[in-house]
Amino acid sequence: MKKWYQESYFDRKNWILENFDKLNLNSDETLLILLIDLCKTNRKSVTYDYLISKLHKTSKQIDVIIAGLVNKHYLKITNNAKGLVFDIDGIFEFDPQRYEIAENKDLYDMVSDTFGKPLSPLELQKMNDLISEYGQKPFIEALRIAEARRKLKMAYIEGVLRNEKK
């Protein structure tokens, strides 16, 4: 049985544009979601090169956007014989009772949830030092990159921040 957002009469693009603010999507995230939906509608594969060319972003910037969408549970990326598969059905299944949007969570809770454990005193200190040096927003972006790459260590987050600063 088809879900409500898979019915032929449902206009996915209009729904996304009408609800992007409620879903806490920024303009880059909204455009990326719309591009993925366009590719899916036209049965075209989504590639990093396509996203880079359409959004005029670097691969690092695309990684940050994708990490944000994955963190919000709006995007799933899997791999099959043809390559990467981008699934945006999570955006239509968003349930605020089930998932808290990352930007509205306390930063310490967000990091603990991402790491899957309470932070040690050393990790808390390192986190505070990184936020003081680089700022909260860059720290969150680095955390998302680390999560997307499954390298959940403060040292990796620090490396991402140092590389982004250069």
C-alpha atoms as a PDB file:
ATOM      1  CA  MET A   1       0.000   0.000   0.000  1.00  0.00           C
ATOM      2  CA  LYS A   2       1.312   3.424  -0.970  1.00  0.00           C
ATOM      3  CA  LYS A   3       1.994   6.006   1.670  1.00  0.00           C
ATOM      4  CA  TRP A   4       0.168   9.347   1.427  1.00  0.00           C
ATOM      5  CA  TYR A   5       3.187  11.136  -0.053  1.00  0.00           C
ATOM      6  CA  GLN A   6       3.631   8.444  -2.744  1.00  0.00           C
ATOM      7  CA  GLU A   7       0.175   8.911  -4.248  1.00  0.00           C
ATOM      8  CA  SER A   8       0.080  10.312  -7.801  1.00  0.00           C
ATOM      9  CA  TYR A   9      -2.028  13.305  -6.765  1.00  0.00           C
ATOM     10  CA  PHE A  10       0.453  14.426  -4.090  1.00  0.00           C
ATOM     11  CA  ASP A  11       2.703  17.324  -5.146  1.00  0.00           C
ATOM     12  CA  ARG A  12       5.947  16.680  -3.298  1.00  0.00           C
ATOM     13  CA  LYS A  13       7.687  19.872  -4.443  1.00  0.00           C
ATOM     14  CA  ASN A  14       4.858  22.130  -3.296  1.00  0.00           C
ATOM     15  CA  TRP A  15       4.688  20.332   0.047  1.00  0.00           C
ATOM     16  CA  ILE A  16       8.439  20.758   0.584  1.00  0.00           C
ATOM     17  CA  LEU A  17       8.303  24.449  -0.309  1.00  0.00           C
ATOM     18  CA  GLU A  18       5.278  25.051   1.913  1.00  0.00           C
ATOM     19  CA  ASN A  19       6.847  23.288   4.904  1.00  0.00           C
ATOM     20  CA  PHE A  20      10.600  23.924   4.717  1.00  0.00           C
ATOM     21  CA  ASP A  21      10.416  26.479   7.524  1.00  0.00           C
ATOM     22  CA  LYS A  22       8.495  24.118   9.829  1.00  0.00           C
ATOM     23  CA  LEU A  23      11.022  21.395   9.033  1.00  0.00           C
ATOM     24  CA  ASN A  24      13.868  23.739  10.006  1.00  0.00           C
ATOM     25  CA  LEU A  25      15.492  23.536   6.564  1.00  0.00           C
ATOM     26  CA  ASN A  26      17.830  26.252   5.359  1.00  0.00           C
ATOM     27  CA  SER A  27      17.919  27.290   1.699  1.00  0.00           C
ATOM     28  CA  ASP A  28      20.798  24.950   0.776  1.00  0.00           C
ATOM     29  CA  GLU A  29      19.085  21.959   2.418  1.00  0.00           C
ATOM     30  CA  THR A  30      15.803  22.806   0.692  1.00  0.00           C
ATOM     31  CA  LEU A  31      17.458  23.067  -2.716  1.00  0.00           C
ATOM     32  CA  LEU A  32      19.302  19.802  -2.230  1.00  0.00           C
ATOM     33  CA  ILE A  33      16.065  18.026  -1.237  1.00  0.00           C
ATOM     34  CA  LEU A  34      14.293  19.506  -4.267  1.00  0.00           C
ATOM     35  CA  LEU A  35      17.123  18.414  -6.599  1.00  0.00           C
ATOM     36  CA  ILE A  36      16.997  14.875  -5.245  1.00  0.00           C
ATOM     37  CA  ASP A  37      13.228  14.841  -5.702  1.00  0.00           C
ATOM     38  CA  LEU A  38      13.591  16.170  -9.262  1.00  0.00           C
ATOM     39  CA  CYS A  39      16.075  13.412 -10.093  1.00  0.00           C
ATOM     40  CA  LYS A  40      13.787  10.787  -8.579  1.00  0.00           C
ATOM     41  CA  THR A  41      10.807  12.120 -10.564  1.00  0.00           C
ATOM     42  CA  ASN A  42      12.831  12.092 -13.805  1.00  0.00           C
ATOM     43  CA  ARG A  43      14.457   8.726 -13.017  1.00  0.00           C
ATOM     44  CA  LYS A  44      17.898  10.283 -13.098  1.00  0.00           C
ATOM     45  CA  SER A  45      20.622   9.155 -10.715  1.00  0.00           C
ATOM     46  CA  VAL A  46      21.865  11.634  -8.134  1.00  0.00           C
ATOM     47  CA  THR A  47      25.625  12.093  -8.062  1.00  0.00           C
ATOM     48  CA  TYR A  48      27.940  14.375  -6.105  1.00  0.00           C
ATOM     49  CA  ASP A  49      29.058  15.972  -9.389  1.00  0.00           C
ATOM     50  CA  TYR A  50      25.453  16.786 -10.260  1.00  0.00           C
ATOM     51  CA  LEU A  51      24.813  18.315  -6.820  1.00  0.00           C
ATOM     52  CA  ILE A  52      28.075  20.285  -6.935  1.00  0.00           C
ATOM     53  CA  SER A  53      27.307  21.679 -10.397  1.00  0.00           C
ATOM     54  CA  LYS A  54      23.693  22.590  -9.623  1.00  0.00           C
ATOM     55  CA  LEU A  55      24.303  24.106  -6.177  1.00  0.00           C
ATOM     56  CA  HIS A  56      27.678  25.695  -7.046  1.00  0.00           C
ATOM     57  CA  LYS A  57      29.206  24.266  -3.847  1.00  0.00           C
ATOM     58  CA  THR A  58      32.373  22.362  -3.033  1.00  0.00           C
ATOM     59  CA  SER A  59      32.228  18.696  -2.100  1.00  0.00           C
ATOM     60  CA  LYS A  60      32.923  19.684   1.523  1.00  0.00           C
ATOM     61  CA  GLN A  61      29.964  22.070   1.495  1.00  0.00           C
ATOM     62  CA  ILE A  62      27.755  19.353  -0.020  1.00  0.00           C
ATOM     63  CA  ASP A  63      28.947  16.970   2.736  1.00  0.00           C
ATOM     64  CA  VAL A  64      27.898  19.490   5.385  1.00  0.00           C
ATOM     65  CA  ILE A  65      24.454  19.943   3.820  1.00  0.00           C
ATOM     66  CA  ILE A  66      23.970  16.175   3.502  1.00  0.00           C
ATOM     67  CA  ALA A  67      25.168  15.577   7.068  1.00  0.00           C
ATOM     68  CA  GLY A  68      22.608  18.093   8.315  1.00  0.00           C
ATOM     69  CA  LEU A  69      19.784  16.352   6.460  1.00  0.00           C
ATOM     70  CA  VAL A  70      20.891  12.915   7.657  1.00  0.00           C
ATOM     71  CA  ASN A  71      21.111  14.228  11.221  1.00  0.00           C
ATOM     72  CA  LYS A  72      17.535  15.510  10.962  1.00  0.00           C
ATOM     73  CA  HIS A  73      16.445  12.080   9.650  1.00  0.00           C
ATOM     74  CA  TYR A  74      15.218  13.615   6.386  1.00  0.00           C
ATOM     75  CA  LEU A  75      17.729  11.869   4.140  1.00  0.00           C
ATOM     76  CA  LYS A  76      19.043   8.318   3.987  1.00  0.00           C
ATOM     77  CA  ILE A  77      21.920   7.305   1.760  1.00  0.00           C
ATOM     78  CA  THR A  78      22.421   3.696   0.789  1.00  0.00           C
ATOM     79  CA  ASN A  79      24.581   1.972  -1.758  1.00  0.00           C
ATOM     80  CA  ASN A  80      23.493  -0.456  -4.444  1.00  0.00           C
ATOM     81  CA  ALA A  81      25.032  -1.899  -7.607  1.00  0.00           C
ATOM     82  CA  LYS A  82      24.417   1.358  -9.506  1.00  0.00           C
ATOM     83  CA  GLY A  83      25.972   3.595  -6.817  1.00  0.00           C
ATOM     84  CA  LEU A  84      24.608   5.839  -4.102  1.00  0.00           C
ATOM     85  CA  VAL A  85      20.863   5.991  -3.511  1.00  0.00           C
ATOM     86  CA  PHE A  86      19.456   9.143  -1.913  1.00  0.00           C
ATOM     87  CA  ASP A  87      16.117   8.617  -0.141  1.00  0.00           C
ATOM     88  CA  ILE A  88      14.216  11.724   1.016  1.00  0.00           C
ATOM     89  CA  ASP A  89      11.068   9.949   2.203  1.00  0.00           C
ATOM     90  CA  GLY A  90      12.101  10.733   5.778  1.00  0.00           C
ATOM     91  CA  ILE A  91      11.187  14.368   5.214  1.00  0.00           C
ATOM     92  CA  PHE A  92       7.557  13.354   4.680  1.00  0.00           C
ATOM     93  CA  GLU A  93       7.549  11.016   7.662  1.00  0.00           C
ATOM     94  CA  PHE A  94       8.878  13.614  10.077  1.00  0.00           C
ATOM     95  CA  ASP A  95       7.281  13.211  13.477  1.00  0.00           C
ATOM     96  CA  PRO A  96       8.297  15.916  15.964  1.00  0.00           C
ATOM     97  CA  GLN A  97       7.400  13.589  18.850  1.00  0.00           C
ATOM     98  CA  ARG A  98       9.854  10.984  17.579  1.00  0.00           C
ATOM     99  CA  TYR A  99      12.774  13.142  16.456  1.00  0.00           C
ATOM    100  CA  GLU A 100      13.983  16.407  17.897  1.00  0.00           C
ATOM    101  CA  ILE A 101      15.498  18.789  15.419  1.00  0.00           C
ATOM    102  CA  ALA A 102      19.194  19.103  16.191  1.00  0.00           C
ATOM    103  CA  GLU A 103      19.302  22.900  16.265  1.00  0.00           C
ATOM    104  CA  ASN A 104      16.689  23.010  19.050  1.00  0.00           C
ATOM    105  CA  LYS A 105      18.458  20.557  21.311  1.00  0.00           C
ATOM    106  CA  ASP A 106      20.892  21.481  23.992  1.00  0.00           C
ATOM    107  CA  LEU A 107      24.355  21.245  22.460  1.00  0.00           C
ATOM    108  CA  TYR A 108      25.715  18.855  25.077  1.00  0.00           C
ATOM    109  CA  ASP A 109      22.728  16.545  24.650  1.00  0.00           C
ATOM    110  CA  MET A 110      23.120  16.684  20.890  1.00  0.00           C
ATOM    111  CA  VAL A 111      26.791  15.660  21.089  1.00  0.00           C
ATOM    112  CA  SER A 112      26.024  12.900  23.620  1.00  0.00           C
ATOM    113  CA  ASP A 113      23.207  11.592  21.417  1.00  0.00           C
ATOM    114  CA  THR A 114      25.440  11.682  18.349  1.00  0.00           C
ATOM    115  CA  PHE A 115      28.261   9.865  20.145  1.00  0.00           C
ATOM    116  CA  GLY A 116      25.746   7.413  21.618  1.00  0.00           C
ATOM    117  CA  LYS A 117      27.081   7.835  25.150  1.00  0.00           C
ATOM    118  CA  PRO A 118      27.530  10.460  27.856  1.00  0.00           C
ATOM    119  CA  LEU A 119      30.598  12.599  27.298  1.00  0.00           C
ATOM    120  CA  SER A 120      33.581  12.121  29.582  1.00  0.00           C
ATOM    121  CA  PRO A 121      34.957  15.125  31.484  1.00  0.00           C
ATOM    122  CA  LEU A 122      37.878  15.291  29.020  1.00  0.00           C
ATOM    123  CA  GLU A 123      35.478  15.242  26.043  1.00  0.00           C
ATOM    124  CA  LEU A 124      33.367  17.980  27.635  1.00  0.00           C
ATOM    125  CA  GLN A 125      36.451  20.123  28.188  1.00  0.00           C
ATOM    126  CA  LYS A 126      37.656  19.545  24.627  1.00  0.00           C
ATOM    127  CA  MET A 127      34.197  20.371  23.294  1.00  0.00           C
ATOM    128  CA  ASN A 128      34.127  23.639  25.281  1.00  0.00           C
ATOM    129  CA  ASP A 129      37.609  24.527  24.042  1.00  0.00           C
ATOM    130  CA  LEU A 130      36.629  23.883  20.415  1.00  0.00           C
ATOM    131  CA  ILE A 131      33.426  25.926  20.717  1.00  0.00           C
ATOM    132  CA  SER A 132      35.371  28.794  22.326  1.00  0.00           C
ATOM    133  CA  GLU A 133      37.992  28.744  19.575  1.00  0.00           C
ATOM    134  CA  TYR A 134      35.857  28.090  16.474  1.00  0.00           C
ATOM    135  CA  GLY A 135      32.277  28.950  17.475  1.00  0.00           C
ATOM    136  CA  GLN A 136      29.114  26.913  18.000  1.00  0.00           C
ATOM    137  CA  LYS A 137      27.898  26.778  14.391  1.00  0.00           C
ATOM    138  CA  PRO A 138      31.224  25.523  12.925  1.00  0.00           C
ATOM    139  CA  PHE A 139      31.432  22.974  15.760  1.00  0.00           C
ATOM    140  CA  ILE A 140      27.957  21.630  14.903  1.00  0.00           C
ATOM    141  CA  GLU A 141      28.876  21.438  11.206  1.00  0.00           C
ATOM    142  CA  ALA A 142      32.090  19.552  12.067  1.00  0.00           C
ATOM    143  CA  LEU A 143      30.089  17.202  14.312  1.00  0.00           C
ATOM    144  CA  ARG A 144      27.728  16.473  11.411  1.00  0.00           C
ATOM    145  CA  ILE A 145      30.640  15.760   9.099  1.00  0.00           C
ATOM    146  CA  ALA A 146      32.171  13.426  11.697  1.00  0.00           C
ATOM    147  CA  GLU A 147      28.824  11.662  12.088  1.00  0.00           C
ATOM    148  CA  ALA A 148      28.386  11.270   8.332  1.00  0.00           C
ATOM    149  CA  ARG A 149      31.871   9.765   8.091  1.00  0.00           C
ATOM    150  CA  ARG A 150      31.346   7.663  11.241  1.00  0.00           C
ATOM    151  CA  LYS A 151      34.416   9.119  12.936  1.00  0.00           C
ATOM    152  CA  LEU A 152      32.926  10.167  16.261  1.00  0.00           C
ATOM    153  CA  LYS A 153      35.969  11.383  18.160  1.00  0.00           C
ATOM    154  CA  MET A 154      36.706  14.889  19.422  1.00  0.00           C
ATOM    155  CA  ALA A 155      40.116  14.672  17.739  1.00  0.00           C
ATOM    156  CA  TYR A 156      38.433  14.106  14.357  1.00  0.00           C
ATOM    157  CA  ILE A 157      36.037  17.021  14.949  1.00  0.00           C
ATOM    158  CA  GLU A 158      39.022  19.194  15.838  1.00  0.00           C
ATOM    159  CA  GLY A 159      40.757  18.133  12.616  1.00  0.00           C
ATOM    160  CA  VAL A 160      37.688  19.055  10.559  1.00  0.00           C
ATOM    161  CA  LEU A 161      37.556  22.456  12.262  1.00  0.00           C
ATOM    162  CA  ARG A 162      41.275  23.077  11.676  1.00  0.00           C
ATOM    163  CA  ASN A 163      40.963  22.110   7.999  1.00  0.00           C
ATOM    164  CA  GLU A 164      37.906  24.316   7.509  1.00  0.00           C
ATOM    165  CA  LYS A 165      39.734  27.278   9.075  1.00  0.00           C
ATOM    166  CA  LYS A 166      42.590  27.041   6.526  1.00  0.00           C
END
